[in-house]
Amino acid sequence: MRIIVTRPRAQAELLVAELQREGIDAVALPLIDIAPVRDPLPLQQAWRDLPQLALLMFVSANAVQQFMRHRPLQATWPAQVLAGSTGPGTSTALRQAGVPPQALVEPAGAVFDSEALWDRLRARDWSGRRVLVVRGENGRDWLAERFVAAGARVDFVAAYERRLPQLDAPAKALLDAARRCPLQYLWVFSSSEAVANLALLAPGAAWSRAAAIAAHERIAAVARQLGFGRVDRVAADAAAVAGAVAALKQRSIQSGPP
């Protein structure tokens, strides 16, 4: 079984390399393109406002990387400002960008999502505090709504644009092979938008015999709506994906040939 990783290219290639080191046949098929925003002024203003903020909430590693591209020379992360992360990839990007460990807030358990992060933050006093959500042009507002309900002022800044990818010849060949032989591939989805883009890139495809793993139940539901016959919820890190692959192989051995 070949694993198809659908994250944006930089994150997909990283996960593919980690899986390959575990002896897993994995390949990247990015279903979302990431591009810089056309107007950098809001990001530059966000850096000027940074010391007055209580929290910057980063929705992805791409949000971190694109935000950090606009860091002024010699700028450092203010010690009193928290950096929120919902996933291990985002946390890694924040550490690599120099955010101090004491400023990083992330889910405490094995579940990585907005709800788990809010569990770490809800006990704080947010009344009158400023929160900035760093994301693409749009996104899920659930966590922002929790901050507003707790009395915070929440603003958003777009750090990047998400686009439908233009597939090159190898990517088209991979997608065609996965359509023709669905039992030989396992899709890895870490966003609902990737699933939606798959529907646009492969209109009319029948996925009832295809299997996928999704980082969140919300994403899994979208994959099931597209027609995937089996969708399991699995965390988006290499160890969890490798464990899911091993479990699928074991079930296949136990069930025997079709």
C-alpha atoms as a PDB file:
ATOM      1  CA  MET A   1       0.000   0.000   0.000  1.00  0.00           C
ATOM      2  CA  ARG A   2       1.331   3.395  -1.012  1.00  0.00           C
ATOM      3  CA  ILE A   3       0.642   6.409   1.191  1.00  0.00           C
ATOM      4  CA  ILE A   4      -0.459   9.654  -0.502  1.00  0.00           C
ATOM      5  CA  VAL A   5       0.243  12.742   1.616  1.00  0.00           C
ATOM      6  CA  THR A   6      -1.913  15.697   0.561  1.00  0.00           C
ATOM      7  CA  ARG A   7      -0.511  18.529   2.684  1.00  0.00           C
ATOM      8  CA  PRO A   8       0.965  21.652   1.069  1.00  0.00           C
ATOM      9  CA  ARG A   9       4.286  20.801  -0.534  1.00  0.00           C
ATOM     10  CA  ALA A  10       6.745  21.760   2.224  1.00  0.00           C
ATOM     11  CA  GLN A  11       4.827  19.883   4.942  1.00  0.00           C
ATOM     12  CA  ALA A  12       4.015  16.968   2.620  1.00  0.00           C
ATOM     13  CA  GLU A  13       7.648  16.405   1.707  1.00  0.00           C
ATOM     14  CA  LEU A  14       8.642  16.502   5.372  1.00  0.00           C
ATOM     15  CA  LEU A  15       6.057  13.873   6.356  1.00  0.00           C
ATOM     16  CA  VAL A  16       6.926  11.724   3.336  1.00  0.00           C
ATOM     17  CA  ALA A  17      10.599  11.743   4.344  1.00  0.00           C
ATOM     18  CA  GLU A  18       9.720  10.748   7.918  1.00  0.00           C
ATOM     19  CA  LEU A  19       7.515   7.878   6.712  1.00  0.00           C
ATOM     20  CA  GLN A  20      10.130   6.686   4.270  1.00  0.00           C
ATOM     21  CA  ARG A  21      12.641   6.485   7.118  1.00  0.00           C
ATOM     22  CA  GLU A  22      10.172   4.072   8.745  1.00  0.00           C
ATOM     23  CA  GLY A  23      10.257   1.912   5.627  1.00  0.00           C
ATOM     24  CA  ILE A  24       6.844   3.082   4.408  1.00  0.00           C
ATOM     25  CA  ASP A  25       6.196   3.718   0.722  1.00  0.00           C
ATOM     26  CA  ALA A  26       4.943   7.313   0.803  1.00  0.00           C
ATOM     27  CA  VAL A  27       4.616  10.012  -1.832  1.00  0.00           C
ATOM     28  CA  ALA A  28       3.516  13.647  -1.830  1.00  0.00           C
ATOM     29  CA  LEU A  29       0.493  14.826  -3.787  1.00  0.00           C
ATOM     30  CA  PRO A  30      -0.086  18.360  -2.470  1.00  0.00           C
ATOM     31  CA  LEU A  31      -3.748  19.289  -2.852  1.00  0.00           C
ATOM     32  CA  ILE A  32      -3.297  22.872  -1.629  1.00  0.00           C
ATOM     33  CA  ASP A  33      -0.861  25.441  -2.982  1.00  0.00           C
ATOM     34  CA  ILE A  34       0.446  28.097  -0.588  1.00  0.00           C
ATOM     35  CA  ALA A  35       1.269  31.561  -1.923  1.00  0.00           C
ATOM     36  CA  PRO A  36       2.340  34.791  -0.188  1.00  0.00           C
ATOM     37  CA  VAL A  37      -0.320  37.436   0.313  1.00  0.00           C
ATOM     38  CA  ARG A  38      -0.404  40.218  -2.240  1.00  0.00           C
ATOM     39  CA  ASP A  39      -0.526  42.971   0.395  1.00  0.00           C
ATOM     40  CA  PRO A  40       2.115  42.622   3.146  1.00  0.00           C
ATOM     41  CA  LEU A  41       1.091  45.758   5.058  1.00  0.00           C
ATOM     42  CA  PRO A  42      -1.268  44.001   7.539  1.00  0.00           C
ATOM     43  CA  LEU A  43       1.497  41.538   8.450  1.00  0.00           C
ATOM     44  CA  GLN A  44       3.978  44.358   8.940  1.00  0.00           C
ATOM     45  CA  GLN A  45       1.460  46.121  11.181  1.00  0.00           C
ATOM     46  CA  ALA A  46       0.948  42.915  13.158  1.00  0.00           C
ATOM     47  CA  TRP A  47       4.651  42.849  13.959  1.00  0.00           C
ATOM     48  CA  ARG A  48       4.482  46.446  15.175  1.00  0.00           C
ATOM     49  CA  ASP A  49       1.486  45.559  17.364  1.00  0.00           C
ATOM     50  CA  LEU A  50       3.056  42.363  18.697  1.00  0.00           C
ATOM     51  CA  PRO A  51       4.111  43.675  22.148  1.00  0.00           C
ATOM     52  CA  GLN A  52       0.509  44.786  22.875  1.00  0.00           C
ATOM     53  CA  LEU A  53      -1.009  41.380  22.108  1.00  0.00           C
ATOM     54  CA  ALA A  54      -1.786  38.673  24.638  1.00  0.00           C
ATOM     55  CA  LEU A  55      -1.782  35.788  22.149  1.00  0.00           C
ATOM     56  CA  LEU A  56      -1.051  35.036  18.521  1.00  0.00           C
ATOM     57  CA  MET A  57      -2.955  31.974  17.372  1.00  0.00           C
ATOM     58  CA  PHE A  58      -1.287  30.205  14.424  1.00  0.00           C
ATOM     59  CA  VAL A  59      -3.513  27.851  12.456  1.00  0.00           C
ATOM     60  CA  SER A  60      -0.708  25.964  10.670  1.00  0.00           C
ATOM     61  CA  ALA A  61       3.005  25.725  10.042  1.00  0.00           C
ATOM     62  CA  ASN A  62       2.444  27.746   6.873  1.00  0.00           C
ATOM     63  CA  ALA A  63       0.916  30.526   8.976  1.00  0.00           C
ATOM     64  CA  VAL A  64       4.057  30.564  11.125  1.00  0.00           C
ATOM     65  CA  GLN A  65       6.471  30.525   8.202  1.00  0.00           C
ATOM     66  CA  GLN A  66       4.683  33.211   6.207  1.00  0.00           C
ATOM     67  CA  PHE A  67       4.243  35.427   9.282  1.00  0.00           C
ATOM     68  CA  MET A  68       7.933  35.096  10.141  1.00  0.00           C
ATOM     69  CA  ARG A  69       8.922  36.140   6.611  1.00  0.00           C
ATOM     70  CA  HIS A  70       7.855  39.658   7.569  1.00  0.00           C
ATOM     71  CA  ARG A  71       9.752  39.799  10.858  1.00  0.00           C
ATOM     72  CA  PRO A  72      11.635  43.107  11.134  1.00  0.00           C
ATOM     73  CA  LEU A  73      15.400  42.900  11.426  1.00  0.00           C
ATOM     74  CA  GLN A  74      16.561  42.230  14.984  1.00  0.00           C
ATOM     75  CA  ALA A  75      12.980  41.682  16.189  1.00  0.00           C
ATOM     76  CA  THR A  76      12.541  39.139  18.980  1.00  0.00           C
ATOM     77  CA  TRP A  77       9.446  37.500  20.406  1.00  0.00           C
ATOM     78  CA  PRO A  78       8.135  39.441  23.432  1.00  0.00           C
ATOM     79  CA  ALA A  79       8.306  37.267  26.529  1.00  0.00           C
ATOM     80  CA  GLN A  80       4.776  38.180  27.657  1.00  0.00           C
ATOM     81  CA  VAL A  81       3.080  37.245  24.353  1.00  0.00           C
ATOM     82  CA  LEU A  82       1.764  33.700  23.968  1.00  0.00           C
ATOM     83  CA  ALA A  83       1.929  31.721  20.723  1.00  0.00           C
ATOM     84  CA  GLY A  84      -0.922  29.256  20.263  1.00  0.00           C
ATOM     85  CA  SER A  85      -0.601  26.074  18.205  1.00  0.00           C
ATOM     86  CA  THR A  86      -3.086  23.296  17.497  1.00  0.00           C
ATOM     87  CA  GLY A  87      -0.658  20.766  16.017  1.00  0.00           C
ATOM     88  CA  PRO A  88       2.885  19.367  16.264  1.00  0.00           C
ATOM     89  CA  GLY A  89       3.902  20.747  12.866  1.00  0.00           C
ATOM     90  CA  THR A  90       2.884  24.249  13.874  1.00  0.00           C
ATOM     91  CA  SER A  91       4.666  23.903  17.210  1.00  0.00           C
ATOM     92  CA  THR A  92       7.850  22.762  15.468  1.00  0.00           C
ATOM     93  CA  ALA A  93       7.687  25.744  13.123  1.00  0.00           C
ATOM     94  CA  LEU A  94       7.281  28.113  16.082  1.00  0.00           C
ATOM     95  CA  ARG A  95      10.282  26.624  17.875  1.00  0.00           C
ATOM     96  CA  GLN A  96      12.382  26.836  14.723  1.00  0.00           C
ATOM     97  CA  ALA A  97      11.355  30.483  14.369  1.00  0.00           C
ATOM     98  CA  GLY A  98      12.741  31.253  17.808  1.00  0.00           C
ATOM     99  CA  VAL A  99       9.560  31.487  19.859  1.00  0.00           C
ATOM    100  CA  PRO A 100      10.661  30.774  23.454  1.00  0.00           C
ATOM    101  CA  PRO A 101       9.345  27.537  24.994  1.00  0.00           C
ATOM    102  CA  GLN A 102       7.538  29.375  27.797  1.00  0.00           C
ATOM    103  CA  ALA A 103       5.486  31.316  25.232  1.00  0.00           C
ATOM    104  CA  LEU A 104       4.277  28.267  23.301  1.00  0.00           C
ATOM    105  CA  VAL A 105       0.845  26.894  24.219  1.00  0.00           C
ATOM    106  CA  GLU A 106      -0.325  23.666  22.576  1.00  0.00           C
ATOM    107  CA  PRO A 107      -2.714  20.795  23.336  1.00  0.00           C
ATOM    108  CA  ALA A 108      -1.610  18.669  26.262  1.00  0.00           C
ATOM    109  CA  GLY A 109      -2.774  15.265  25.042  1.00  0.00           C
ATOM    110  CA  ALA A 110      -2.816  13.218  21.861  1.00  0.00           C
ATOM    111  CA  VAL A 111      -5.639  15.209  20.255  1.00  0.00           C
ATOM    112  CA  PHE A 112      -4.496  18.253  18.284  1.00  0.00           C
ATOM    113  CA  ASP A 113      -7.290  20.677  17.399  1.00  0.00           C
ATOM    114  CA  SER A 114      -8.847  23.990  18.395  1.00  0.00           C
ATOM    115  CA  GLU A 115     -10.929  22.380  21.122  1.00  0.00           C
ATOM    116  CA  ALA A 116      -7.878  20.810  22.755  1.00  0.00           C
ATOM    117  CA  LEU A 117      -5.984  24.098  22.626  1.00  0.00           C
ATOM    118  CA  TRP A 118      -8.910  25.970  24.179  1.00  0.00           C
ATOM    119  CA  ASP A 119      -8.781  23.520  27.087  1.00  0.00           C
ATOM    120  CA  ARG A 120      -5.279  24.872  27.799  1.00  0.00           C
ATOM    121  CA  LEU A 121      -6.348  28.521  27.535  1.00  0.00           C
ATOM    122  CA  ARG A 122      -9.887  28.792  28.857  1.00  0.00           C
ATOM    123  CA  ALA A 123      -8.911  29.278  32.520  1.00  0.00           C
ATOM    124  CA  ARG A 124      -6.974  32.479  31.779  1.00  0.00           C
ATOM    125  CA  ASP A 125      -8.521  35.926  32.121  1.00  0.00           C
ATOM    126  CA  TRP A 126      -9.143  37.143  28.563  1.00  0.00           C
ATOM    127  CA  SER A 127     -11.256  40.165  29.427  1.00  0.00           C
ATOM    128  CA  GLY A 128      -9.956  43.141  27.433  1.00  0.00           C
ATOM    129  CA  ARG A 129      -6.997  41.168  26.085  1.00  0.00           C
ATOM    130  CA  ARG A 130      -6.021  41.253  22.411  1.00  0.00           C
ATOM    131  CA  VAL A 131      -5.788  38.061  20.355  1.00  0.00           C
ATOM    132  CA  LEU A 132      -4.571  37.867  16.766  1.00  0.00           C
ATOM    133  CA  VAL A 133      -5.365  34.825  14.611  1.00  0.00           C
ATOM    134  CA  VAL A 134      -2.747  34.247  11.910  1.00  0.00           C
ATOM    135  CA  ARG A 135      -4.204  32.190   9.065  1.00  0.00           C
ATOM    136  CA  GLY A 136      -4.996  32.110   5.334  1.00  0.00           C
ATOM    137  CA  GLU A 137      -7.616  34.327   3.774  1.00  0.00           C
ATOM    138  CA  ASN A 138     -10.317  32.601   5.801  1.00  0.00           C
ATOM    139  CA  GLY A 139     -10.768  29.677   8.129  1.00  0.00           C
ATOM    140  CA  ARG A 140     -12.681  28.145  10.972  1.00  0.00           C
ATOM    141  CA  ASP A 141     -13.815  30.699  13.577  1.00  0.00           C
ATOM    142  CA  TRP A 142     -14.658  28.357  16.468  1.00  0.00           C
ATOM    143  CA  LEU A 143     -11.667  29.281  18.629  1.00  0.00           C
ATOM    144  CA  ALA A 144     -12.023  32.988  17.890  1.00  0.00           C
ATOM    145  CA  GLU A 145     -15.621  32.790  19.067  1.00  0.00           C
ATOM    146  CA  ARG A 146     -14.489  31.272  22.367  1.00  0.00           C
ATOM    147  CA  PHE A 147     -12.082  34.176  22.948  1.00  0.00           C
ATOM    148  CA  VAL A 148     -14.762  36.752  22.132  1.00  0.00           C
ATOM    149  CA  ALA A 149     -17.170  35.059  24.528  1.00  0.00           C
ATOM    150  CA  ALA A 150     -14.449  35.262  27.196  1.00  0.00           C
ATOM    151  CA  GLY A 151     -14.139  39.019  26.673  1.00  0.00           C
ATOM    152  CA  ALA A 152     -11.142  39.216  24.367  1.00  0.00           C
ATOM    153  CA  ARG A 153     -10.782  41.401  21.302  1.00  0.00           C
ATOM    154  CA  VAL A 154      -9.995  39.134  18.349  1.00  0.00           C
ATOM    155  CA  ASP A 155      -8.517  40.212  15.032  1.00  0.00           C
ATOM    156  CA  PHE A 156      -7.389  38.218  12.013  1.00  0.00           C
ATOM    157  CA  VAL A 157      -4.466  38.622   9.655  1.00  0.00           C
ATOM    158  CA  ALA A 158      -3.983  36.690   6.424  1.00  0.00           C
ATOM    159  CA  ALA A 159      -0.410  35.423   6.201  1.00  0.00           C
ATOM    160  CA  TYR A 160      -0.834  33.436   2.978  1.00  0.00           C
ATOM    161  CA  GLU A 161      -3.240  32.488   0.220  1.00  0.00           C
ATOM    162  CA  ARG A 162      -4.444  28.939  -0.445  1.00  0.00           C
ATOM    163  CA  ARG A 163      -4.935  27.960  -4.064  1.00  0.00           C
ATOM    164  CA  LEU A 164      -6.042  24.972  -6.091  1.00  0.00           C
ATOM    165  CA  PRO A 165      -2.827  23.329  -7.283  1.00  0.00           C
ATOM    166  CA  GLN A 166      -1.882  22.931 -10.915  1.00  0.00           C
ATOM    167  CA  LEU A 167      -0.813  19.299 -11.172  1.00  0.00           C
ATOM    168  CA  ASP A 168       2.262  18.446 -13.190  1.00  0.00           C
ATOM    169  CA  ALA A 169       2.555  15.244 -15.235  1.00  0.00           C
ATOM    170  CA  PRO A 170       3.848  13.008 -12.387  1.00  0.00           C
ATOM    171  CA  ALA A 171       1.109  14.268 -10.044  1.00  0.00           C
ATOM    172  CA  LYS A 172      -1.552  13.626 -12.678  1.00  0.00           C
ATOM    173  CA  ALA A 173      -0.194  10.130 -13.213  1.00  0.00           C
ATOM    174  CA  LEU A 174      -0.285   9.440  -9.471  1.00  0.00           C
ATOM    175  CA  LEU A 175      -3.848  10.681  -9.175  1.00  0.00           C
ATOM    176  CA  ASP A 176      -4.902   8.570 -12.154  1.00  0.00           C
ATOM    177  CA  ALA A 177      -3.251   5.483 -10.664  1.00  0.00           C
ATOM    178  CA  ALA A 178      -5.020   6.035  -7.338  1.00  0.00           C
ATOM    179  CA  ARG A 179      -8.353   6.313  -9.154  1.00  0.00           C
ATOM    180  CA  ARG A 180      -7.771   3.108 -11.146  1.00  0.00           C
ATOM    181  CA  CYS A 181      -6.360   1.005  -8.295  1.00  0.00           C
ATOM    182  CA  PRO A 182      -7.846   2.454  -5.078  1.00  0.00           C
ATOM    183  CA  LEU A 183      -6.987  -0.553  -2.907  1.00  0.00           C
ATOM    184  CA  GLN A 184      -3.279   0.055  -3.448  1.00  0.00           C
ATOM    185  CA  TYR A 185      -3.292   3.538  -1.900  1.00  0.00           C
ATOM    186  CA  LEU A 186      -4.034   5.179   1.434  1.00  0.00           C
ATOM    187  CA  TRP A 187      -4.813   8.892   1.419  1.00  0.00           C
ATOM    188  CA  VAL A 188      -3.682  11.155   4.278  1.00  0.00           C
ATOM    189  CA  PHE A 189      -5.844  14.264   4.726  1.00  0.00           C
ATOM    190  CA  SER A 190      -4.995  17.043   7.176  1.00  0.00           C
ATOM    191  CA  SER A 191      -7.526  19.612   5.962  1.00  0.00           C
ATOM    192  CA  SER A 192     -11.062  19.672   4.604  1.00  0.00           C
ATOM    193  CA  GLU A 193      -9.913  21.968   1.809  1.00  0.00           C
ATOM    194  CA  ALA A 194      -7.566  19.282   0.497  1.00  0.00           C
ATOM    195  CA  VAL A 195     -10.517  16.899   0.219  1.00  0.00           C
ATOM    196  CA  ALA A 196     -12.574  19.566  -1.550  1.00  0.00           C
ATOM    197  CA  ASN A 197      -9.733  20.212  -3.983  1.00  0.00           C
ATOM    198  CA  LEU A 198      -9.492  16.498  -4.725  1.00  0.00           C
ATOM    199  CA  ALA A 199     -13.128  16.600  -5.791  1.00  0.00           C
ATOM    200  CA  LEU A 200     -12.297  19.464  -8.170  1.00  0.00           C
ATOM    201  CA  LEU A 201      -9.177  17.802  -9.564  1.00  0.00           C
ATOM    202  CA  ALA A 202     -10.837  14.416 -10.063  1.00  0.00           C
ATOM    203  CA  PRO A 203     -14.462  15.182 -10.953  1.00  0.00           C
ATOM    204  CA  GLY A 204     -16.672  12.133 -11.096  1.00  0.00           C
ATOM    205  CA  ALA A 205     -14.114   9.849  -9.446  1.00  0.00           C
ATOM    206  CA  ALA A 206     -15.524   6.931  -7.472  1.00  0.00           C
ATOM    207  CA  TRP A 207     -13.778   6.563  -4.126  1.00  0.00           C
ATOM    208  CA  SER A 208     -15.996   3.896  -2.537  1.00  0.00           C
ATOM    209  CA  ARG A 209     -13.152   1.352  -2.527  1.00  0.00           C
ATOM    210  CA  ALA A 210     -10.548   3.863  -1.355  1.00  0.00           C
ATOM    211  CA  ALA A 211      -9.280   4.311   2.201  1.00  0.00           C
ATOM    212  CA  ALA A 212      -8.111   7.461   3.945  1.00  0.00           C
ATOM    213  CA  ILE A 213      -6.966   8.702   7.314  1.00  0.00           C
ATOM    214  CA  ALA A 214      -7.885  12.179   8.538  1.00  0.00           C
ATOM    215  CA  ALA A 215      -6.433  14.356  11.265  1.00  0.00           C
ATOM    216  CA  HIS A 216      -9.833  15.444  12.604  1.00  0.00           C
ATOM    217  CA  GLU A 217     -13.367  14.094  12.581  1.00  0.00           C
ATOM    218  CA  ARG A 218     -14.476  17.203  10.693  1.00  0.00           C
ATOM    219  CA  ILE A 219     -12.057  16.305   7.875  1.00  0.00           C
ATOM    220  CA  ALA A 220     -13.077  12.654   8.009  1.00  0.00           C
ATOM    221  CA  ALA A 221     -16.714  13.644   7.526  1.00  0.00           C
ATOM    222  CA  VAL A 222     -15.850  15.596   4.369  1.00  0.00           C
ATOM    223  CA  ALA A 223     -13.898  12.609   3.010  1.00  0.00           C
ATOM    224  CA  ARG A 224     -16.868  10.326   3.656  1.00  0.00           C
ATOM    225  CA  GLN A 225     -19.137  12.792   1.872  1.00  0.00           C
ATOM    226  CA  LEU A 226     -16.826  12.609  -1.132  1.00  0.00           C
ATOM    227  CA  GLY A 227     -17.393   8.849  -1.124  1.00  0.00           C
ATOM    228  CA  PHE A 228     -14.331   7.332   0.547  1.00  0.00           C
ATOM    229  CA  GLY A 229     -15.284   3.856   1.676  1.00  0.00           C
ATOM    230  CA  ARG A 230     -13.103   3.820   4.806  1.00  0.00           C
ATOM    231  CA  VAL A 231     -11.908   6.854   6.731  1.00  0.00           C
ATOM    232  CA  ASP A 232     -10.143   6.562  10.090  1.00  0.00           C
ATOM    233  CA  ARG A 233      -9.253   9.435  12.362  1.00  0.00           C
ATOM    234  CA  VAL A 234      -5.500   9.496  12.943  1.00  0.00           C
ATOM    235  CA  ALA A 235      -3.234  12.264  14.257  1.00  0.00           C
ATOM    236  CA  ALA A 236      -1.233  14.093  11.615  1.00  0.00           C
ATOM    237  CA  ASP A 237       2.259  13.111  12.810  1.00  0.00           C
ATOM    238  CA  ALA A 238       4.502  10.449  11.283  1.00  0.00           C
ATOM    239  CA  ALA A 239       4.296   8.029  14.228  1.00  0.00           C
ATOM    240  CA  ALA A 240       0.501   7.991  14.176  1.00  0.00           C
ATOM    241  CA  VAL A 241       0.350   7.568  10.400  1.00  0.00           C
ATOM    242  CA  ALA A 242       2.899   4.741  10.559  1.00  0.00           C
ATOM    243  CA  GLY A 243       0.824   3.045  13.262  1.00  0.00           C
ATOM    244  CA  ALA A 244      -2.302   3.331  11.119  1.00  0.00           C
ATOM    245  CA  VAL A 245      -0.486   1.793   8.154  1.00  0.00           C
ATOM    246  CA  ALA A 246       0.698  -1.119  10.299  1.00  0.00           C
ATOM    247  CA  ALA A 247      -2.842  -1.678  11.592  1.00  0.00           C
ATOM    248  CA  LEU A 248      -4.250  -1.702   8.067  1.00  0.00           C
ATOM    249  CA  LYS A 249      -1.644  -4.230   6.954  1.00  0.00           C
ATOM    250  CA  GLN A 250      -2.456  -6.456   9.914  1.00  0.00           C
ATOM    251  CA  ARG A 251      -6.177  -6.352   9.153  1.00  0.00           C
ATOM    252  CA  SER A 252      -5.427  -7.205   5.530  1.00  0.00           C
ATOM    253  CA  ILE A 253      -3.347 -10.222   6.574  1.00  0.00           C
ATOM    254  CA  GLN A 254      -6.036 -11.448   8.956  1.00  0.00           C
ATOM    255  CA  SER A 255      -8.833 -11.064   6.408  1.00  0.00           C
ATOM    256  CA  GLY A 256      -6.887 -12.854   3.697  1.00  0.00           C
ATOM    257  CA  PRO A 257      -7.177 -12.351  -0.048  1.00  0.00           C
ATOM    258  CA  PRO A 258     -10.448 -11.029  -1.459  1.00  0.00           C
END
